[in-house]
């Protein structure tokens, strides 16, 4: 085969493969198409070449995206075989997990098809969902939940938007149950906030005292650090004193044991003679009164014979007759 023919075959095969790759990547629509236009408030992520779908099936392509009068106008084409209901909605949705967008047409309430070249007004269009704004809206809720609950809720949100499980109503039900759980603790949260306000108010009123306390603690720490050698020496001295006291107690051990035993003997004797001791204590006031009368005339004891009787061989003689002193009376 001649080199020229070989080159020609190579060029034809290369062109065929290139067209095949381009068609595979772009997936162009075949057959006649009908142009339409839709007006949106936001078309972030949508660009020329994005898909136009009906019930998830690709039926067209976005041809142009432009901003006019503060709104976004999207021109798109739909295959002629696919009617576009005049009452339907044009919604921008996520086409895949990479963030690409697609223009979805909903059937609406039926009715006659939209005329070719007609414009879908902004009242019947819906902009793309901003996941960042959505998740930021859940941030106050996430702040009050445990990490495991946040992960579960975020997983459910992602699953809903990926179409892998759950519905929006189920997701909202989960959110409502979580908010109900938080609402049931409203009184406790309110009490905690009130208590915190009270504590902060007290701290605010005593801020000067608190500042003085902190300053005093700082000075104490500084002086303690400066005197750490003296403190260490005092601790060592305390250890020596404790050792000396232990040695002293060891030396007093035998004598102290004998003294304790002697005290036990004395207390046992007192317990055995408790009745006699009680009688002596009861008679003590009378004895003290008599002793007081006997010693009331000086610092000595006076003895008076107020009555004297003598008996000799059966004969009784009483010598106590006559006047008596005041002591005898």
Foldseek 3Di string as FASTA:
>chain_A
DDPVVVVVVVVVVVVVVVVVVVCVVLVDDDADKFKEKEKELDAPQAAWSAFEDEPLHGFWTWHGWDDDPNIIMTMIIGHPVDFQFLQWAWEWAAPDPVRHIHIYIYCHPPDDGDDGHYYHYHVRYYYYDDVVVVVVVCVVVVVPDDPVVVVVLVVVVVCQRNVNDDHPVVSVVVVVVSVVVVVVCVVVVVVVVVVVVVVVVVCVVCVVVVVVVVVVVVVVVVVCVVCVVVVVVVVVVVVVVVVVVVVVCVVCVVVVVVVVVVVVVVVVVCVVCVVVVVVCVVCVVVVVVVVCLQCVVHNDGDDDCQWDWDADPNDIDIPNDDDDDPSSD
